[in-house]
C-alpha atoms as a PDB file:
ATOM      1  CA  UNK A   1      15.432 -55.579   2.356  1.00  0.00           C
ATOM      2  CA  UNK A   2      17.620 -53.019   0.620  1.00  0.00           C
ATOM      3  CA  UNK A   3      20.898 -54.556  -0.490  1.00  0.00           C
ATOM      4  CA  UNK A   4      22.644 -50.971  -0.519  1.00  0.00           C
ATOM      5  CA  UNK A   5      23.303 -48.251   1.770  1.00  0.00           C
ATOM      6  CA  UNK A   6      20.868 -46.334   3.487  1.00  0.00           C
ATOM      7  CA  UNK A   7      19.381 -43.790   1.038  1.00  0.00           C
ATOM      8  CA  UNK A   8      17.018 -41.322   2.430  1.00  0.00           C
ATOM      9  CA  UNK A   9      14.885 -41.353  -0.857  1.00  0.00           C
ATOM     10  CA  UNK A  10      14.501 -45.198  -0.625  1.00  0.00           C
ATOM     11  CA  UNK A  11      13.603 -45.400   2.960  1.00  0.00           C
ATOM     12  CA  UNK A  12      10.923 -42.282   2.455  1.00  0.00           C
ATOM     13  CA  UNK A  13       9.379 -43.956  -0.427  1.00  0.00           C
ATOM     14  CA  UNK A  14       8.990 -47.387   1.327  1.00  0.00           C
ATOM     15  CA  UNK A  15       8.306 -46.220   4.725  1.00  0.00           C
ATOM     16  CA  UNK A  16       5.635 -43.636   3.518  1.00  0.00           C
ATOM     17  CA  UNK A  17       3.921 -45.093   0.531  1.00  0.00           C
ATOM     18  CA  UNK A  18       4.225 -48.908   1.663  1.00  0.00           C
ATOM     19  CA  UNK A  19       4.276 -48.611   5.498  1.00  0.00           C
ATOM     20  CA  UNK A  20       7.084 -51.361   5.663  1.00  0.00           C
ATOM     21  CA  UNK A  21       9.623 -52.172   7.878  1.00  0.00           C
ATOM     22  CA  UNK A  22      13.055 -51.533   5.999  1.00  0.00           C
ATOM     23  CA  UNK A  23      15.887 -53.724   6.679  1.00  0.00           C
ATOM     24  CA  UNK A  24      19.018 -52.388   5.205  1.00  0.00           C
ATOM     25  CA  UNK A  25      21.762 -54.833   4.368  1.00  0.00           C
ATOM     26  CA  UNK A  26      24.465 -52.819   3.019  1.00  0.00           C
ATOM     27  CA  UNK A  27      26.159 -55.448   0.617  1.00  0.00           C
ATOM     28  CA  UNK A  28      27.630 -52.810  -1.497  1.00  0.00           C
ATOM     29  CA  UNK A  29      29.861 -51.637   1.322  1.00  0.00           C
ATOM     30  CA  UNK A  30      30.821 -55.259   1.786  1.00  0.00           C
ATOM     31  CA  UNK A  31      31.784 -55.458  -1.753  1.00  0.00           C
ATOM     32  CA  UNK A  32      33.604 -52.161  -1.560  1.00  0.00           C
ATOM     33  CA  UNK A  33      35.720 -52.737   1.081  1.00  0.00           C
ATOM     34  CA  UNK A  34      36.568 -56.274  -0.163  1.00  0.00           C
ATOM     35  CA  UNK A  35      37.612 -54.977  -3.511  1.00  0.00           C
ATOM     36  CA  UNK A  36      39.837 -52.673  -1.805  1.00  0.00           C
ATOM     37  CA  UNK A  37      41.322 -55.338   0.391  1.00  0.00           C
ATOM     38  CA  UNK A  38      41.172 -58.759  -1.836  1.00  0.00           C
ATOM     39  CA  UNK A  39      41.759 -61.725  -0.364  1.00  0.00           C
ATOM     40  CA  UNK A  40      39.065 -64.423  -0.417  1.00  0.00           C
ATOM     41  CA  UNK A  41      36.634 -64.512  -3.196  1.00  0.00           C
ATOM     42  CA  UNK A  42      33.497 -62.528  -2.780  1.00  0.00           C
ATOM     43  CA  UNK A  43      31.266 -65.422  -3.434  1.00  0.00           C
ATOM     44  CA  UNK A  44      32.621 -66.937  -0.120  1.00  0.00           C
ATOM     45  CA  UNK A  45      32.153 -63.510   1.520  1.00  0.00           C
ATOM     46  CA  UNK A  46      28.260 -63.735   0.826  1.00  0.00           C
ATOM     47  CA  UNK A  47      28.067 -67.289   2.027  1.00  0.00           C
ATOM     48  CA  UNK A  48      25.817 -66.930   4.888  1.00  0.00           C
ATOM     49  CA  UNK A  49      25.917 -63.157   4.967  1.00  0.00           C
ATOM     50  CA  UNK A  50      21.918 -62.935   4.387  1.00  0.00           C
ATOM     51  CA  UNK A  51      20.967 -64.421   7.901  1.00  0.00           C
ATOM     52  CA  UNK A  52      17.240 -63.641   8.191  1.00  0.00           C
ATOM     53  CA  UNK A  53      14.520 -66.647   8.708  1.00  0.00           C
ATOM     54  CA  UNK A  54      13.554 -68.432   5.275  1.00  0.00           C
ATOM     55  CA  UNK A  55      10.683 -66.624   3.691  1.00  0.00           C
ATOM     56  CA  UNK A  56      10.668 -63.725   6.004  1.00  0.00           C
ATOM     57  CA  UNK A  57      11.290 -61.014   3.968  1.00  0.00           C
ATOM     58  CA  UNK A  58       8.044 -59.246   1.802  1.00  0.00           C
ATOM     59  CA  UNK A  59      10.326 -57.492  -0.831  1.00  0.00           C
ATOM     60  CA  UNK A  60      13.974 -57.191  -1.576  1.00  0.00           C
ATOM     61  CA  UNK A  61      15.499 -53.683  -3.423  1.00  0.00           C
ATOM     62  CA  UNK A  62      18.962 -54.581  -5.466  1.00  0.00           C
ATOM     63  CA  UNK A  63      19.141 -51.616  -7.906  1.00  0.00           C
ATOM     64  CA  UNK A  64      22.099 -52.801 -10.091  1.00  0.00           C
ATOM     65  CA  UNK A  65      24.323 -54.949  -7.460  1.00  0.00           C
ATOM     66  CA  UNK A  66      24.716 -58.076  -9.375  1.00  0.00           C
ATOM     67  CA  UNK A  67      26.201 -55.765 -12.304  1.00  0.00           C
ATOM     68  CA  UNK A  68      29.284 -55.722 -10.040  1.00  0.00           C
ATOM     69  CA  UNK A  69      29.414 -59.154  -9.166  1.00  0.00           C
ATOM     70  CA  UNK A  70      31.184 -62.081 -10.685  1.00  0.00           C
ATOM     71  CA  UNK A  71      29.079 -64.950 -11.734  1.00  0.00           C
ATOM     72  CA  UNK A  72      29.759 -67.404  -8.735  1.00  0.00           C
ATOM     73  CA  UNK A  73      28.997 -64.579  -6.212  1.00  0.00           C
ATOM     74  CA  UNK A  74      25.878 -63.465  -7.864  1.00  0.00           C
ATOM     75  CA  UNK A  75      24.740 -67.215  -7.982  1.00  0.00           C
ATOM     76  CA  UNK A  76      25.668 -67.080  -4.011  1.00  0.00           C
ATOM     77  CA  UNK A  77      23.583 -64.097  -3.496  1.00  0.00           C
ATOM     78  CA  UNK A  78      20.671 -65.006  -5.630  1.00  0.00           C
ATOM     79  CA  UNK A  79      20.146 -68.357  -3.771  1.00  0.00           C
ATOM     80  CA  UNK A  80      20.420 -66.206  -0.488  1.00  0.00           C
ATOM     81  CA  UNK A  81      17.683 -63.766  -1.647  1.00  0.00           C
ATOM     82  CA  UNK A  82      15.529 -66.708  -2.896  1.00  0.00           C
ATOM     83  CA  UNK A  83      15.941 -68.414   0.517  1.00  0.00           C
ATOM     84  CA  UNK A  84      14.720 -65.494   2.585  1.00  0.00           C
ATOM     85  CA  UNK A  85      11.902 -64.047   0.095  1.00  0.00           C
ATOM     86  CA  UNK A  86       8.341 -65.010   0.906  1.00  0.00           C
ATOM     87  CA  UNK A  87       6.244 -66.771  -1.125  1.00  0.00           C
ATOM     88  CA  UNK A  88       4.886 -64.120  -3.595  1.00  0.00           C
ATOM     89  CA  UNK A  89       7.256 -62.004  -2.489  1.00  0.00           C
ATOM     90  CA  UNK A  90       8.872 -59.214  -4.941  1.00  0.00           C
ATOM     91  CA  UNK A  91      12.402 -58.346  -6.182  1.00  0.00           C
ATOM     92  CA  UNK A  92      13.055 -54.742  -7.773  1.00  0.00           C
ATOM     93  CA  UNK A  93      16.493 -55.449  -9.341  1.00  0.00           C
ATOM     94  CA  UNK A  94      18.001 -53.381 -12.486  1.00  0.00           C
ATOM     95  CA  UNK A  95      20.796 -54.827 -14.610  1.00  0.00           C
ATOM     96  CA  UNK A  96      22.964 -52.924 -16.927  1.00  0.00           C
ATOM     97  CA  UNK A  97      22.746 -54.211 -20.683  1.00  0.00           C
ATOM     98  CA  UNK A  98      25.660 -53.134 -22.562  1.00  0.00           C
ATOM     99  CA  UNK A  99      24.133 -53.739 -25.849  1.00  0.00           C
ATOM    100  CA  UNK A 100      21.353 -51.530 -25.260  1.00  0.00           C
ATOM    101  CA  UNK A 101      23.321 -48.621 -23.985  1.00  0.00           C
ATOM    102  CA  UNK A 102      25.358 -49.294 -27.047  1.00  0.00           C
ATOM    103  CA  UNK A 103      22.289 -48.864 -29.091  1.00  0.00           C
ATOM    104  CA  UNK A 104      21.054 -45.712 -27.241  1.00  0.00           C
ATOM    105  CA  UNK A 105      24.609 -43.869 -27.766  1.00  0.00           C
ATOM    106  CA  UNK A 106      24.348 -44.620 -31.493  1.00  0.00           C
ATOM    107  CA  UNK A 107      20.842 -43.215 -31.912  1.00  0.00           C
ATOM    108  CA  UNK A 108      21.953 -40.148 -30.362  1.00  0.00           C
ATOM    109  CA  UNK A 109      24.720 -39.635 -32.533  1.00  0.00           C
ATOM    110  CA  UNK A 110      22.336 -40.527 -35.438  1.00  0.00           C
ATOM    111  CA  UNK A 111      20.233 -37.814 -34.835  1.00  0.00           C
END
């Protein structure tokens, strides 16, 4: 399951290398529309958004989507992903670490 928009490179990689079915749940698109329109908290929009059967997904790709979420929305999404992920499934997630980025910037400037 890919939580972002359809990206050709991701589809090619997973389709060709892993030979797996790809489910696209463009939560980033949902988040973008919600941030423009406002209204209810995004956590409420995420409730029930992932409606696949429990334990039915082998792997989840979510890049840095959690970086955009407030803590309440992140908790709702994490619980939903845990629910649909099969036992021994995998999640590939990236998280921004502002402390590390700051250290890397200083290292570049120190050279």
